[in-house]
C-alpha atoms as a PDB file:
ATOM      1  CA  MET A   1       0.088   0.008   0.042  1.00  0.00           C
ATOM      2  CA  THR A   2       1.488   3.408  -0.907  1.00  0.00           C
ATOM      3  CA  PRO A   3       1.952   5.673   2.131  1.00  0.00           C
ATOM      4  CA  LEU A   4      -0.323   8.767   2.554  1.00  0.00           C
ATOM      5  CA  PRO A   5       1.536  11.773   1.761  1.00  0.00           C
ATOM      6  CA  PRO A   6       2.744  13.292   5.166  1.00  0.00           C
ATOM      7  CA  LEU A   7       1.401  16.678   6.386  1.00  0.00           C
ATOM      8  CA  LEU A   8       3.835  19.671   6.213  1.00  0.00           C
ATOM      9  CA  ASN A   9       4.437  21.513   9.461  1.00  0.00           C
ATOM     10  CA  LEU A  10       6.241  24.751  10.175  1.00  0.00           C
ATOM     11  CA  ASP A  11       7.368  26.111  13.304  1.00  0.00           C
ATOM     12  CA  ALA A  12       5.849  29.639  13.000  1.00  0.00           C
ATOM     13  CA  GLY A  13       5.747  32.918  14.931  1.00  0.00           C
ATOM     14  CA  GLU A  14       9.292  32.830  15.769  1.00  0.00           C
ATOM     15  CA  LEU A  15      10.733  35.411  13.519  1.00  0.00           C
ATOM     16  CA  PRO A  16       9.616  39.067  12.636  1.00  0.00           C
ATOM     17  CA  ASP A  17       9.912  38.597   8.878  1.00  0.00           C
ATOM     18  CA  GLU A  18       7.838  35.561   8.332  1.00  0.00           C
ATOM     19  CA  THR A  19       5.333  35.895   5.657  1.00  0.00           C
ATOM     20  CA  GLU A  20       1.938  34.584   5.188  1.00  0.00           C
ATOM     21  CA  GLU A  21       3.158  33.261   1.713  1.00  0.00           C
ATOM     22  CA  LEU A  22       5.375  31.007   3.672  1.00  0.00           C
ATOM     23  CA  TRP A  23       2.533  29.883   6.186  1.00  0.00           C
ATOM     24  CA  ALA A  24       0.377  29.156   3.297  1.00  0.00           C
ATOM     25  CA  LEU A  25       2.436  26.239   2.136  1.00  0.00           C
ATOM     26  CA  PHE A  26       1.858  24.192   5.350  1.00  0.00           C
ATOM     27  CA  ASP A  27      -0.833  22.002   6.741  1.00  0.00           C
ATOM     28  CA  LEU A  28       0.063  22.615  10.354  1.00  0.00           C
ATOM     29  CA  LEU A  29       1.731  25.650  12.052  1.00  0.00           C
ATOM     30  CA  ASN A  30       3.399  25.220  15.248  1.00  0.00           C
ATOM     31  CA  ILE A  31       3.035  28.557  16.985  1.00  0.00           C
ATOM     32  CA  ALA A  32       5.829  29.763  19.299  1.00  0.00           C
ATOM     33  CA  CYS A  33       3.906  30.640  22.442  1.00  0.00           C
ATOM     34  CA  GLY A  34       6.282  32.584  24.672  1.00  0.00           C
ATOM     35  CA  GLY A  35       9.027  30.109  25.932  1.00  0.00           C
ATOM     36  CA  HIS A  36      11.649  30.723  23.311  1.00  0.00           C
ATOM     37  CA  ALA A  37       9.991  33.113  21.134  1.00  0.00           C
ATOM     38  CA  GLY A  38       6.536  34.653  20.567  1.00  0.00           C
ATOM     39  CA  ASP A  39       4.382  36.939  22.380  1.00  0.00           C
ATOM     40  CA  PRO A  40       0.492  37.781  22.281  1.00  0.00           C
ATOM     41  CA  SER A  41       0.736  39.917  19.176  1.00  0.00           C
ATOM     42  CA  THR A  42       2.678  37.218  16.986  1.00  0.00           C
ATOM     43  CA  MET A  43       0.459  34.494  18.308  1.00  0.00           C
ATOM     44  CA  ALA A  44      -2.691  36.511  17.420  1.00  0.00           C
ATOM     45  CA  ARG A  45      -1.143  37.126  13.960  1.00  0.00           C
ATOM     46  CA  VAL A  46      -0.577  33.358  13.182  1.00  0.00           C
ATOM     47  CA  VAL A  47      -3.800  32.407  14.619  1.00  0.00           C
ATOM     48  CA  ALA A  48      -5.730  34.931  12.736  1.00  0.00           C
ATOM     49  CA  PHE A  49      -4.079  33.644   9.431  1.00  0.00           C
ATOM     50  CA  CYS A  50      -5.292  30.216  10.346  1.00  0.00           C
ATOM     51  CA  ALA A  51      -8.501  31.378  10.873  1.00  0.00           C
ATOM     52  CA  ALA A  52      -9.006  33.540   7.709  1.00  0.00           C
ATOM     53  CA  ALA A  53     -10.351  30.842   5.378  1.00  0.00           C
ATOM     54  CA  PRO A  54     -11.142  27.208   4.952  1.00  0.00           C
ATOM     55  CA  GLY A  55      -8.253  25.266   3.917  1.00  0.00           C
ATOM     56  CA  ARG A  56      -5.749  27.341   5.987  1.00  0.00           C
ATOM     57  CA  PRO A  57      -2.969  25.669   8.351  1.00  0.00           C
ATOM     58  CA  ARG A  58      -4.288  24.209  11.547  1.00  0.00           C
ATOM     59  CA  PRO A  59      -2.732  25.793  14.651  1.00  0.00           C
ATOM     60  CA  GLY A  60      -0.772  23.909  17.153  1.00  0.00           C
ATOM     61  CA  ALA A  61       1.467  24.863  20.301  1.00  0.00           C
ATOM     62  CA  HIS A  62       5.309  25.043  20.069  1.00  0.00           C
ATOM     63  CA  PRO A  63       6.298  25.216  23.874  1.00  0.00           C
ATOM     64  CA  SER A  64      10.003  25.112  24.835  1.00  0.00           C
ATOM     65  CA  TYR A  65      12.057  25.426  27.796  1.00  0.00           C
ATOM     66  CA  PRO A  66      11.425  29.089  29.071  1.00  0.00           C
ATOM     67  CA  ASP A  67      14.703  30.227  27.397  1.00  0.00           C
ATOM     68  CA  ARG A  68      14.418  33.260  25.376  1.00  0.00           C
ATOM     69  CA  ALA A  69      18.118  34.204  25.490  1.00  0.00           C
ATOM     70  CA  GLY A  70      18.997  30.719  24.102  1.00  0.00           C
ATOM     71  CA  PHE A  71      16.145  30.406  21.559  1.00  0.00           C
ATOM     72  CA  GLY A  72      15.187  27.322  23.349  1.00  0.00           C
ATOM     73  CA  ARG A  73      18.150  25.495  22.040  1.00  0.00           C
ATOM     74  CA  ARG A  74      19.823  24.717  25.468  1.00  0.00           C
ATOM     75  CA  SER A  75      18.973  21.989  27.709  1.00  0.00           C
ATOM     76  CA  LEU A  76      17.833  23.401  30.991  1.00  0.00           C
ATOM     77  CA  HIS A  77      17.893  21.429  34.279  1.00  0.00           C
ATOM     78  CA  THR A  78      14.270  22.253  34.957  1.00  0.00           C
ATOM     79  CA  PRO A  79      12.557  20.355  37.910  1.00  0.00           C
ATOM     80  CA  ALA A  80       9.566  18.256  36.305  1.00  0.00           C
ATOM     81  CA  PRO A  81       6.896  20.350  38.177  1.00  0.00           C
ATOM     82  CA  ALA A  82       8.425  23.772  37.129  1.00  0.00           C
ATOM     83  CA  LEU A  83       8.615  22.410  33.384  1.00  0.00           C
ATOM     84  CA  ALA A  84       4.781  21.288  33.718  1.00  0.00           C
ATOM     85  CA  ALA A  85       3.834  24.673  34.802  1.00  0.00           C
ATOM     86  CA  ALA A  86       5.744  26.672  32.203  1.00  0.00           C
ATOM     87  CA  ILE A  87       4.362  24.315  29.270  1.00  0.00           C
ATOM     88  CA  ALA A  88       0.871  24.963  30.873  1.00  0.00           C
ATOM     89  CA  ALA A  89       1.438  28.746  30.745  1.00  0.00           C
ATOM     90  CA  GLN A  90       2.564  28.566  27.223  1.00  0.00           C
ATOM     91  CA  CYS A  91      -0.107  26.325  25.703  1.00  0.00           C
ATOM     92  CA  ALA A  92      -2.954  28.297  27.850  1.00  0.00           C
ATOM     93  CA  ALA A  93      -1.811  31.594  26.352  1.00  0.00           C
ATOM     94  CA  LEU A  94      -1.921  30.257  22.935  1.00  0.00           C
ATOM     95  CA  ASP A  95      -5.350  28.535  23.531  1.00  0.00           C
ATOM     96  CA  ALA A  96      -7.033  31.596  24.745  1.00  0.00           C
ATOM     97  CA  ILE A  97      -6.074  33.445  21.582  1.00  0.00           C
ATOM     98  CA  ALA A  98      -7.190  30.367  19.305  1.00  0.00           C
ATOM     99  CA  ARG A  99     -10.493  30.400  21.026  1.00  0.00           C
ATOM    100  CA  ALA A 100     -10.970  34.122  20.513  1.00  0.00           C
ATOM    101  CA  HIS A 101     -10.818  33.286  16.835  1.00  0.00           C
ATOM    102  CA  GLY A 102     -13.139  30.364  17.009  1.00  0.00           C
ATOM    103  CA  LEU A 103     -10.262  27.779  16.670  1.00  0.00           C
ATOM    104  CA  ALA A 104      -8.626  25.151  18.863  1.00  0.00           C
ATOM    105  CA  VAL A 105      -5.155  24.221  19.372  1.00  0.00           C
ATOM    106  CA  GLU A 106      -5.136  20.721  17.759  1.00  0.00           C
ATOM    107  CA  HIS A 107      -1.451  19.550  18.223  1.00  0.00           C
ATOM    108  CA  VAL A 108       1.669  20.248  20.273  1.00  0.00           C
ATOM    109  CA  LYS A 109       5.321  20.117  19.040  1.00  0.00           C
ATOM    110  CA  PRO A 110       7.864  20.797  21.777  1.00  0.00           C
ATOM    111  CA  HIS A 111      10.822  23.010  20.561  1.00  0.00           C
ATOM    112  CA  GLY A 112      14.473  22.720  20.315  1.00  0.00           C
ATOM    113  CA  ALA A 113      16.274  21.206  23.262  1.00  0.00           C
ATOM    114  CA  LEU A 114      12.939  20.297  24.723  1.00  0.00           C
ATOM    115  CA  TYR A 115      12.018  18.218  21.826  1.00  0.00           C
ATOM    116  CA  HIS A 116      15.229  16.116  21.993  1.00  0.00           C
ATOM    117  CA  ASP A 117      15.259  15.857  25.800  1.00  0.00           C
ATOM    118  CA  ALA A 118      11.801  14.639  26.054  1.00  0.00           C
ATOM    119  CA  ALA A 119      12.463  11.857  23.665  1.00  0.00           C
ATOM    120  CA  THR A 120      15.135  10.547  25.942  1.00  0.00           C
ATOM    121  CA  SER A 121      13.674  11.358  29.351  1.00  0.00           C
ATOM    122  CA  ALA A 122      10.439  10.005  30.602  1.00  0.00           C
ATOM    123  CA  PRO A 123      10.059  12.478  33.548  1.00  0.00           C
ATOM    124  CA  LEU A 124      10.584  15.482  31.117  1.00  0.00           C
ATOM    125  CA  ALA A 125       8.133  13.765  28.451  1.00  0.00           C
ATOM    126  CA  ASP A 126       5.611  13.256  31.252  1.00  0.00           C
ATOM    127  CA  ALA A 127       5.859  16.891  32.339  1.00  0.00           C
ATOM    128  CA  LEU A 128       5.687  18.240  28.967  1.00  0.00           C
ATOM    129  CA  LEU A 129       2.386  16.353  28.167  1.00  0.00           C
ATOM    130  CA  ASP A 130       0.959  16.888  31.786  1.00  0.00           C
ATOM    131  CA  GLY A 131       1.354  20.640  31.507  1.00  0.00           C
ATOM    132  CA  ALA A 132      -0.186  20.746  27.857  1.00  0.00           C
ATOM    133  CA  LEU A 133      -3.114  18.519  29.144  1.00  0.00           C
ATOM    134  CA  GLU A 134      -3.643  20.825  31.962  1.00  0.00           C
ATOM    135  CA  ALA A 135      -3.819  23.964  29.795  1.00  0.00           C
ATOM    136  CA  LEU A 136      -5.916  22.475  27.106  1.00  0.00           C
ATOM    137  CA  GLY A 137      -8.206  20.252  28.849  1.00  0.00           C
ATOM    138  CA  ARG A 138      -8.649  18.000  26.016  1.00  0.00           C
ATOM    139  CA  PRO A 139      -6.744  15.511  23.612  1.00  0.00           C
ATOM    140  CA  PHE A 140      -4.489  16.753  21.057  1.00  0.00           C
ATOM    141  CA  THR A 141      -1.997  15.146  18.596  1.00  0.00           C
ATOM    142  CA  VAL A 142       1.854  15.125  19.769  1.00  0.00           C
ATOM    143  CA  LEU A 143       4.407  15.706  17.036  1.00  0.00           C
ATOM    144  CA  GLY A 144       7.652  14.247  17.991  1.00  0.00           C
ATOM    145  CA  PRO A 145      10.425  11.750  16.963  1.00  0.00           C
ATOM    146  CA  ALA A 146       9.424   8.390  15.673  1.00  0.00           C
ATOM    147  CA  ARG A 147      10.651   6.505  18.861  1.00  0.00           C
ATOM    148  CA  GLY A 148      11.471   7.378  22.413  1.00  0.00           C
ATOM    149  CA  ALA A 149       9.968   8.623  25.619  1.00  0.00           C
ATOM    150  CA  LEU A 150       7.764  11.267  24.277  1.00  0.00           C
ATOM    151  CA  ARG A 151       5.957   8.737  22.007  1.00  0.00           C
ATOM    152  CA  ASP A 152       5.624   6.285  25.036  1.00  0.00           C
ATOM    153  CA  ALA A 153       4.220   8.996  27.161  1.00  0.00           C
ATOM    154  CA  ALA A 154       1.573  10.037  24.536  1.00  0.00           C
ATOM    155  CA  ALA A 155       0.644   6.249  24.177  1.00  0.00           C
ATOM    156  CA  ALA A 156       0.230   6.086  27.948  1.00  0.00           C
ATOM    157  CA  ARG A 157      -2.337   8.874  27.880  1.00  0.00           C
ATOM    158  CA  GLY A 158      -4.185   7.909  24.720  1.00  0.00           C
ATOM    159  CA  LEU A 159      -2.972  10.834  22.668  1.00  0.00           C
ATOM    160  CA  PRO A 160      -2.492  10.486  18.983  1.00  0.00           C
ATOM    161  CA  TYR A 161       1.032  10.741  17.918  1.00  0.00           C
ATOM    162  CA  ALA A 162       2.526  12.220  14.461  1.00  0.00           C
ATOM    163  CA  ARG A 163       6.135  10.740  13.770  1.00  0.00           C
ATOM    164  CA  GLU A 164       8.134  13.740  12.335  1.00  0.00           C
ATOM    165  CA  GLY A 165      10.796  13.947   9.770  1.00  0.00           C
ATOM    166  CA  PHE A 166      12.669  17.107   8.516  1.00  0.00           C
ATOM    167  CA  ALA A 167      13.165  18.040   4.999  1.00  0.00           C
ATOM    168  CA  ASP A 168      15.784  20.747   5.884  1.00  0.00           C
ATOM    169  CA  ARG A 169      18.072  18.849   8.412  1.00  0.00           C
ATOM    170  CA  ALA A 170      20.935  16.525   7.439  1.00  0.00           C
ATOM    171  CA  ARG A 171      20.700  13.255   8.854  1.00  0.00           C
ATOM    172  CA  ARG A 172      23.416  10.657  10.019  1.00  0.00           C
ATOM    173  CA  ALA A 173      23.582   7.039   8.593  1.00  0.00           C
ATOM    174  CA  ASP A 174      21.624   5.856  11.581  1.00  0.00           C
ATOM    175  CA  GLY A 175      18.728   8.431  10.925  1.00  0.00           C
ATOM    176  CA  SER A 176      19.602  10.885  13.672  1.00  0.00           C
ATOM    177  CA  LEU A 177      19.891  14.601  13.003  1.00  0.00           C
ATOM    178  CA  VAL A 178      23.295  16.283  12.469  1.00  0.00           C
ATOM    179  CA  PRO A 179      23.496  18.578  15.492  1.00  0.00           C
ATOM    180  CA  ARG A 180      23.156  22.331  14.601  1.00  0.00           C
ATOM    181  CA  SER A 181      26.641  22.874  16.088  1.00  0.00           C
ATOM    182  CA  GLU A 182      28.259  20.779  13.256  1.00  0.00           C
ATOM    183  CA  PRO A 183      28.986  21.779   9.489  1.00  0.00           C
ATOM    184  CA  GLY A 184      26.405  20.754   7.161  1.00  0.00           C
ATOM    185  CA  ALA A 185      23.643  20.525   9.682  1.00  0.00           C
ATOM    186  CA  LEU A 186      20.942  22.160   7.521  1.00  0.00           C
ATOM    187  CA  VAL A 187      19.855  21.328   4.154  1.00  0.00           C
ATOM    188  CA  THR A 188      19.449  24.549   2.141  1.00  0.00           C
ATOM    189  CA  ASP A 189      19.426  23.496  -1.424  1.00  0.00           C
ATOM    190  CA  PRO A 190      15.784  23.440  -2.385  1.00  0.00           C
ATOM    191  CA  ALA A 191      16.204  20.298  -4.729  1.00  0.00           C
ATOM    192  CA  ALA A 192      17.908  18.449  -2.041  1.00  0.00           C
ATOM    193  CA  ALA A 193      15.392  19.278   0.628  1.00  0.00           C
ATOM    194  CA  ALA A 194      12.636  18.218  -1.807  1.00  0.00           C
ATOM    195  CA  ALA A 195      14.459  14.836  -2.482  1.00  0.00           C
ATOM    196  CA  GLN A 196      14.905  14.162   1.187  1.00  0.00           C
ATOM    197  CA  ALA A 197      10.986  14.835   1.805  1.00  0.00           C
ATOM    198  CA  LEU A 198      10.176  12.566  -0.848  1.00  0.00           C
ATOM    199  CA  SER A 199      12.319   9.970   0.496  1.00  0.00           C
ATOM    200  CA  LEU A 200      11.002  10.270   3.928  1.00  0.00           C
ATOM    201  CA  ALA A 201       7.436   9.991   2.662  1.00  0.00           C
ATOM    202  CA  ALA A 202       8.041   7.037   0.533  1.00  0.00           C
ATOM    203  CA  SER A 203       9.601   5.170   3.719  1.00  0.00           C
ATOM    204  CA  GLY A 204       6.218   5.244   5.473  1.00  0.00           C
ATOM    205  CA  GLU A 205       8.150   6.154   8.545  1.00  0.00           C
ATOM    206  CA  VAL A 206       6.932   9.703   8.980  1.00  0.00           C
ATOM    207  CA  ASP A 207       3.334  11.210   9.508  1.00  0.00           C
ATOM    208  CA  THR A 208       4.467  14.704   8.967  1.00  0.00           C
ATOM    209  CA  LEU A 209       7.460  16.750   7.722  1.00  0.00           C
ATOM    210  CA  CYS A 210       8.876  19.909   9.099  1.00  0.00           C
ATOM    211  CA  VAL A 211      10.658  22.866   7.339  1.00  0.00           C
ATOM    212  CA  HIS A 212      12.078  25.408   9.759  1.00  0.00           C
ATOM    213  CA  ALA A 213      11.488  29.303   9.232  1.00  0.00           C
ATOM    214  CA  ASP A 214      14.799  30.122  10.194  1.00  0.00           C
ATOM    215  CA  THR A 215      16.676  27.815   7.668  1.00  0.00           C
ATOM    216  CA  PRO A 216      18.348  30.300   5.078  1.00  0.00           C
ATOM    217  CA  GLY A 217      16.084  30.238   2.020  1.00  0.00           C
ATOM    218  CA  ALA A 218      13.029  28.734   3.772  1.00  0.00           C
ATOM    219  CA  LEU A 219      10.463  30.034   1.398  1.00  0.00           C
ATOM    220  CA  ALA A 220      12.192  28.433  -1.653  1.00  0.00           C
ATOM    221  CA  ILE A 221      12.582  25.259   0.332  1.00  0.00           C
ATOM    222  CA  ALA A 222       8.975  25.270   1.138  1.00  0.00           C
ATOM    223  CA  ARG A 223       7.850  25.652  -2.054  1.00  0.00           C
ATOM    224  CA  ALA A 224       9.977  22.881  -3.460  1.00  0.00           C
ATOM    225  CA  VAL A 225       8.917  20.534  -0.736  1.00  0.00           C
ATOM    226  CA  ARG A 226       5.376  21.438  -1.339  1.00  0.00           C
ATOM    227  CA  ALA A 227       5.407  20.992  -4.983  1.00  0.00           C
ATOM    228  CA  ALA A 228       7.038  17.416  -4.427  1.00  0.00           C
ATOM    229  CA  LEU A 229       4.194  16.343  -2.062  1.00  0.00           C
ATOM    230  CA  PRO A 230       0.699  16.527  -2.880  1.00  0.00           C
ATOM    231  CA  ARG A 231      -1.417  18.308  -0.167  1.00  0.00           C
ATOM    232  CA  PRO A 232      -3.356  15.782   1.923  1.00  0.00           C
ATOM    233  CA  SER A 233      -7.013  16.732   2.731  1.00  0.00           C
ATOM    234  CA  ILE A 234      -7.198  17.354   6.536  1.00  0.00           C
ATOM    235  CA  TYR A 235     -10.421  19.555   6.436  1.00  0.00           C
ATOM    236  CA  GLY A 236     -12.908  17.177   5.172  1.00  0.00           C
END
C-alpha cells in the first residue's frame, strides 16, 4: 500500500519577517507561545491567518524550555513540576487566543532542546504532556520523534502521535539529525530538501515533515517540498 503523503508543518511565529506566503504552504503551524519566542501579538497574527479561510493551516502549540536568550536550544535542568507549569502557561496563552478566533489548538510539538530531551527522558516527557493537558483540557496530537520517551508518554495518555521527519536537516547514517553545532547540519538547497522529503515520505516512517522558518532560503525550500508532495486533505 502506498503511504499517505505526510502533512507539512512549520515552526511559526518565531521571526519578525515570516510571511503569510510561507505559512500558506503548510498544513500545520506550530506557533511559538512565549517560551523561546513569540508574544500575544505574534500568536494572534498567526492564529488570525489560520482562521482567515477554509483550507488554511491548522494551529498548534510550540512550547519550549523558558529560554528566550538561548532560543530554546539549550538543555535546562528544570524540575519536572516547574517545567509542567511553564508548558501549561505557554499552551494556555495560545489556546486563549485561538478560542477568541473560533479555533482550537489541535497539536503540540515541543521546540528545540526540549524536543530532544523529552525523547530521551520519561520524566520530562511526562511533565511536557501533563502541562499541555492541564492547559488545553482535551486530547491533542503530539508531534515528535518516531521513537522514544515522548511517544511512549503520549501512548500512555491515549494521545494521537505523529512521527516527524525534517526536510531541511541533514541526517546521519542511523537516521539521527546532525547537530546544529556541526557543519552541514542544514539542508539549504531546495532540490535536495525536496528529494529528502520524498524519500522520507516514501519510507512510510513519518506522518509529518517539518521545514524551519529560520533555515536560510526557507520560502524556496518550502515551495520545493510542497511541489514535491501532494497536499493531503485534512479539512473534510
